[in-house]
């Protein structure tokens, strides 16, 4: 049960991260926005969490 919940949370982190990256790229890559950095961090955290589970 806990493994499934962890997978769901990891998937949510990845989706939220992807949305933040898309929003950060909306007006161009430079200057790097906080949304882009936060989105990338959420994606990395979600992927690492999936690998650990």
PDB file of N, CA and C in Angstrom:
ATOM      1  N   UNK A   1       0.821  -1.199   0.000  1.00  0.00           N
ATOM      2  CA  UNK A   1       0.000   0.000   0.000  1.00  0.00           C
ATOM      3  C   UNK A   1       0.865   1.263   0.000  1.00  0.00           C
ATOM      4  N   UNK A   2       1.893   1.292   0.844  1.00  0.00           N
ATOM      5  CA  UNK A   2       2.764   2.465   0.919  1.00  0.00           C
ATOM      6  C   UNK A   2       3.543   2.656  -0.382  1.00  0.00           C
ATOM      7  N   UNK A   3       3.909   1.554  -1.023  1.00  0.00           N
ATOM      8  CA  UNK A   3       4.638   1.651  -2.282  1.00  0.00           C
ATOM      9  C   UNK A   3       3.782   2.320  -3.346  1.00  0.00           C
ATOM     10  N   UNK A   4       2.516   1.949  -3.400  1.00  0.00           N
ATOM     11  CA  UNK A   4       1.595   2.532  -4.386  1.00  0.00           C
ATOM     12  C   UNK A   4       1.398   4.028  -4.122  1.00  0.00           C
ATOM     13  N   UNK A   5       1.262   4.393  -2.861  1.00  0.00           N
ATOM     14  CA  UNK A   5       1.098   5.800  -2.497  1.00  0.00           C
ATOM     15  C   UNK A   5       2.343   6.593  -2.881  1.00  0.00           C
ATOM     16  N   UNK A   6       3.505   6.023  -2.652  1.00  0.00           N
ATOM     17  CA  UNK A   6       4.753   6.679  -3.037  1.00  0.00           C
ATOM     18  C   UNK A   6       4.853   6.880  -4.531  1.00  0.00           C
ATOM     19  N   UNK A   7       4.407   5.891  -5.302  1.00  0.00           N
ATOM     20  CA  UNK A   7       4.420   6.007  -6.758  1.00  0.00           C
ATOM     21  C   UNK A   7       3.484   7.108  -7.227  1.00  0.00           C
ATOM     22  N   UNK A   8       2.326   7.216  -6.585  1.00  0.00           N
ATOM     23  CA  UNK A   8       1.366   8.261  -6.952  1.00  0.00           C
ATOM     24  C   UNK A   8       1.949   9.632  -6.664  1.00  0.00           C
ATOM     25  N   UNK A   9       2.559   9.799  -5.484  1.00  0.00           N
ATOM     26  CA  UNK A   9       3.176  11.081  -5.141  1.00  0.00           C
ATOM     27  C   UNK A   9       4.308  11.418  -6.107  1.00  0.00           C
ATOM     28  N   UNK A  10       5.113  10.441  -6.465  1.00  0.00           N
ATOM     29  CA  UNK A  10       6.216  10.675  -7.401  1.00  0.00           C
ATOM     30  C   UNK A  10       5.668  11.112  -8.760  1.00  0.00           C
ATOM     31  N   UNK A  11       4.607  10.470  -9.223  1.00  0.00           N
ATOM     32  CA  UNK A  11       3.994  10.848 -10.500  1.00  0.00           C
ATOM     33  C   UNK A  11       3.440  12.272 -10.438  1.00  0.00           C
ATOM     34  N   UNK A  12       2.836  12.632  -9.320  1.00  0.00           N
ATOM     35  CA  UNK A  12       2.311  13.993  -9.158  1.00  0.00           C
ATOM     36  C   UNK A  12       3.448  15.008  -9.186  1.00  0.00           C
ATOM     37  N   UNK A  13       4.569  14.697  -8.522  1.00  0.00           N
ATOM     38  CA  UNK A  13       5.720  15.592  -8.540  1.00  0.00           C
ATOM     39  C   UNK A  13       6.245  15.788  -9.958  1.00  0.00           C
ATOM     40  N   UNK A  14       6.304  14.700 -10.727  1.00  0.00           N
ATOM     41  CA  UNK A  14       6.800  14.778 -12.097  1.00  0.00           C
ATOM     42  C   UNK A  14       5.870  15.618 -12.962  1.00  0.00           C
ATOM     43  N   UNK A  15       4.566  15.416 -12.823  1.00  0.00           N
ATOM     44  CA  UNK A  15       3.603  16.184 -13.612  1.00  0.00           C
ATOM     45  C   UNK A  15       3.663  17.668 -13.244  1.00  0.00           C
ATOM     46  N   UNK A  16       3.683  17.975 -11.940  1.00  0.00           N
ATOM     47  CA  UNK A  16       3.786  19.372 -11.516  1.00  0.00           C
ATOM     48  C   UNK A  16       5.093  20.003 -11.994  1.00  0.00           C
ATOM     49  N   UNK A  17       6.161  19.241 -11.920  1.00  0.00           N
ATOM     50  CA  UNK A  17       7.450  19.738 -12.406  1.00  0.00           C
ATOM     51  C   UNK A  17       7.412  20.029 -13.895  1.00  0.00           C
ATOM     52  N   UNK A  18       6.801  19.138 -14.663  1.00  0.00           N
ATOM     53  CA  UNK A  18       6.694  19.348 -16.108  1.00  0.00           C
ATOM     54  C   UNK A  18       5.864  20.598 -16.409  1.00  0.00           C
ATOM     55  N   UNK A  19       4.779  20.788 -15.674  1.00  0.00           N
ATOM     56  CA  UNK A  19       3.960  21.983 -15.884  1.00  0.00           C
ATOM     57  C   UNK A  19       4.735  23.255 -15.550  1.00  0.00           C
ATOM     58  N   UNK A  20       5.520  23.218 -14.483  1.00  0.00           N
ATOM     59  CA  UNK A  20       6.334  24.385 -14.130  1.00  0.00           C
ATOM     60  C   UNK A  20       7.422  24.654 -15.171  1.00  0.00           C
ATOM     61  N   UNK A  21       8.017  23.595 -15.704  1.00  0.00           N
ATOM     62  CA  UNK A  21       9.034  23.770 -16.749  1.00  0.00           C
ATOM     63  C   UNK A  21       8.400  24.384 -17.993  1.00  0.00           C
ATOM     64  N   UNK A  22       7.243  23.887 -18.380  1.00  0.00           N
ATOM     65  CA  UNK A  22       6.547  24.440 -19.553  1.00  0.00           C
ATOM     66  C   UNK A  22       6.225  25.910 -19.316  1.00  0.00           C
ATOM     67  N   UNK A  23       5.727  26.216 -18.128  1.00  0.00           N
ATOM     68  CA  UNK A  23       5.403  27.608 -17.797  1.00  0.00           C
ATOM     69  C   UNK A  23       6.662  28.472 -17.791  1.00  0.00           C
ATOM     70  N   UNK A  24       7.763  27.937 -17.286  1.00  0.00           N
ATOM     71  CA  UNK A  24       9.018  28.676 -17.270  1.00  0.00           C
ATOM     72  C   UNK A  24       9.587  28.913 -18.653  1.00  0.00           C
ATOM     73  N   UNK A  25       9.350  27.980 -19.578  1.00  0.00           N
ATOM     74  CA  UNK A  25       9.850  28.113 -20.950  1.00  0.00           C
ATOM     75  C   UNK A  25       8.929  28.947 -21.835  1.00  0.00           C
ATOM     76  N   UNK A  26       7.768  29.292 -21.339  1.00  0.00           N
ATOM     77  CA  UNK A  26       6.752  29.979 -22.144  1.00  0.00           C
ATOM     78  C   UNK A  26       7.285  31.270 -22.755  1.00  0.00           C
ATOM     79  N   UNK A  27       8.060  32.037 -21.991  1.00  0.00           N
ATOM     80  CA  UNK A  27       8.578  33.316 -22.488  1.00  0.00           C
ATOM     81  C   UNK A  27      10.043  33.231 -22.901  1.00  0.00           C
ATOM     82  N   UNK A  28      10.553  32.046 -23.052  1.00  0.00           N
ATOM     83  CA  UNK A  28      11.944  31.873 -23.449  1.00  0.00           C
ATOM     84  C   UNK A  28      12.776  31.302 -22.309  1.00  0.00           C
ATOM     85  N   UNK A  29      13.930  30.776 -22.674  1.00  0.00           N
ATOM     86  CA  UNK A  29      14.769  30.100 -21.691  1.00  0.00           C
ATOM     87  C   UNK A  29      15.560  31.106 -20.852  1.00  0.00           C
ATOM     88  N   UNK A  30      15.936  32.213 -21.460  1.00  0.00           N
ATOM     89  CA  UNK A  30      16.777  33.174 -20.740  1.00  0.00           C
ATOM     90  C   UNK A  30      16.010  34.439 -20.480  1.00  0.00           C
ATOM     91  N   UNK A  31      16.020  35.027 -19.337  1.00  0.00           N
ATOM     92  CA  UNK A  31      16.708  34.591 -18.129  1.00  0.00           C
ATOM     93  C   UNK A  31      16.001  33.402 -17.486  1.00  0.00           C
ATOM     94  N   UNK A  32      16.774  32.579 -16.822  1.00  0.00           N
ATOM     95  CA  UNK A  32      16.221  31.382 -16.194  1.00  0.00           C
ATOM     96  C   UNK A  32      15.289  31.822 -15.066  1.00  0.00           C
ATOM     97  N   UNK A  33      14.073  31.301 -15.092  1.00  0.00           N
ATOM     98  CA  UNK A  33      13.094  31.701 -14.090  1.00  0.00           C
ATOM     99  C   UNK A  33      13.086  30.720 -12.917  1.00  0.00           C
ATOM    100  N   UNK A  34      12.528  31.187 -11.825  1.00  0.00           N
ATOM    101  CA  UNK A  34      12.401  30.346 -10.637  1.00  0.00           C
ATOM    102  C   UNK A  34      11.475  29.168 -10.919  1.00  0.00           C
ATOM    103  N   UNK A  35      10.465  29.369 -11.751  1.00  0.00           N
ATOM    104  CA  UNK A  35       9.548  28.285 -12.103  1.00  0.00           C
ATOM    105  C   UNK A  35      10.281  27.169 -12.832  1.00  0.00           C
ATOM    106  N   UNK A  36      11.183  27.540 -13.717  1.00  0.00           N
ATOM    107  CA  UNK A  36      11.957  26.544 -14.467  1.00  0.00           C
ATOM    108  C   UNK A  36      12.848  25.728 -13.536  1.00  0.00           C
ATOM    109  N   UNK A  37      13.504  26.405 -12.610  1.00  0.00           N
ATOM    110  CA  UNK A  37      14.383  25.715 -11.655  1.00  0.00           C
ATOM    111  C   UNK A  37      13.567  24.804 -10.744  1.00  0.00           C
ATOM    112  N   UNK A  38      12.448  25.321 -10.224  1.00  0.00           N
ATOM    113  CA  UNK A  38      11.603  24.516  -9.339  1.00  0.00           C
ATOM    114  C   UNK A  38      11.015  23.327 -10.085  1.00  0.00           C
ATOM    115  N   UNK A  39      10.611  23.527 -11.323  1.00  0.00           N
ATOM    116  CA  UNK A  39      10.061  22.431 -12.120  1.00  0.00           C
ATOM    117  C   UNK A  39      11.088  21.340 -12.367  1.00  0.00           C
ATOM    118  N   UNK A  40      12.301  21.743 -12.716  1.00  0.00           N
ATOM    119  CA  UNK A  40      13.362  20.761 -12.946  1.00  0.00           C
ATOM    120  C   UNK A  40      13.672  19.996 -11.663  1.00  0.00           C
ATOM    121  N   UNK A  41      13.688  20.706 -10.538  1.00  0.00           N
ATOM    122  CA  UNK A  41      13.954  20.050  -9.255  1.00  0.00           C
ATOM    123  C   UNK A  41      12.856  19.047  -8.912  1.00  0.00           C
ATOM    124  N   UNK A  42      11.600  19.398  -9.176  1.00  0.00           N
ATOM    125  CA  UNK A  42      10.500  18.470  -8.904  1.00  0.00           C
ATOM    126  C   UNK A  42      10.578  17.231  -9.795  1.00  0.00           C
ATOM    127  N   UNK A  43      10.946  17.419 -11.042  1.00  0.00           N
ATOM    128  CA  UNK A  43      11.075  16.272 -11.950  1.00  0.00           C
ATOM    129  C   UNK A  43      12.185  15.343 -11.468  1.00  0.00           C
ATOM    130  N   UNK A  44      13.326  15.906 -11.121  1.00  0.00           N
ATOM    131  CA  UNK A  44      14.447  15.093 -10.630  1.00  0.00           C
ATOM    132  C   UNK A  44      14.052  14.355  -9.357  1.00  0.00           C
ATOM    133  N   UNK A  45      13.393  15.069  -8.431  1.00  0.00           N
ATOM    134  CA  UNK A  45      12.971  14.446  -7.174  1.00  0.00           C
ATOM    135  C   UNK A  45      11.971  13.313  -7.443  1.00  0.00           C
ATOM    136  N   UNK A  46      11.022  13.541  -8.336  1.00  0.00           N
ATOM    137  CA  UNK A  46      10.038  12.505  -8.653  1.00  0.00           C
ATOM    138  C   UNK A  46      10.667  11.271  -9.275  1.00  0.00           C
ATOM    139  N   UNK A  47      11.604  11.483 -10.200  1.00  0.00           N
ATOM    140  CA  UNK A  47      12.273  10.350 -10.847  1.00  0.00           C
ATOM    141  C   UNK A  47      13.117   9.579  -9.835  1.00  0.00           C
ATOM    142  N   UNK A  48      13.850  10.301  -8.995  1.00  0.00           N
ATOM    143  CA  UNK A  48      14.654   9.610  -7.982  1.00  0.00           C
ATOM    144  C   UNK A  48      13.772   8.847  -7.005  1.00  0.00           C
ATOM    145  N   UNK A  49      12.646   9.427  -6.648  1.00  0.00           N
ATOM    146  CA  UNK A  49      11.722   8.761  -5.731  1.00  0.00           C
ATOM    147  C   UNK A  49      11.153   7.489  -6.363  1.00  0.00           C
ATOM    148  N   UNK A  50      10.855   7.539  -7.662  1.00  0.00           N
ATOM    149  CA  UNK A  50      10.364   6.333  -8.345  1.00  0.00           C
ATOM    150  C   UNK A  50      11.435   5.248  -8.380  1.00  0.00           C
ATOM    151  N   UNK A  51      12.684   5.645  -8.590  1.00  0.00           N
ATOM    152  CA  UNK A  51      13.768   4.657  -8.660  1.00  0.00           C
ATOM    153  C   UNK A  51      14.032   3.997  -7.323  1.00  0.00           C
ATOM    154  N   UNK A  52      13.869   4.748  -6.230  1.00  0.00           N
ATOM    155  CA  UNK A  52      14.102   4.213  -4.895  1.00  0.00           C
ATOM    156  C   UNK A  52      12.989   3.248  -4.505  1.00  0.00           C
ATOM    157  N   UNK A  53      11.764   3.572  -4.903  1.00  0.00           N
ATOM    158  CA  UNK A  53      10.639   2.705  -4.571  1.00  0.00           C
ATOM    159  C   UNK A  53      10.742   1.480  -5.373  1.00  0.00           C
TER     160      UNK A  53
END
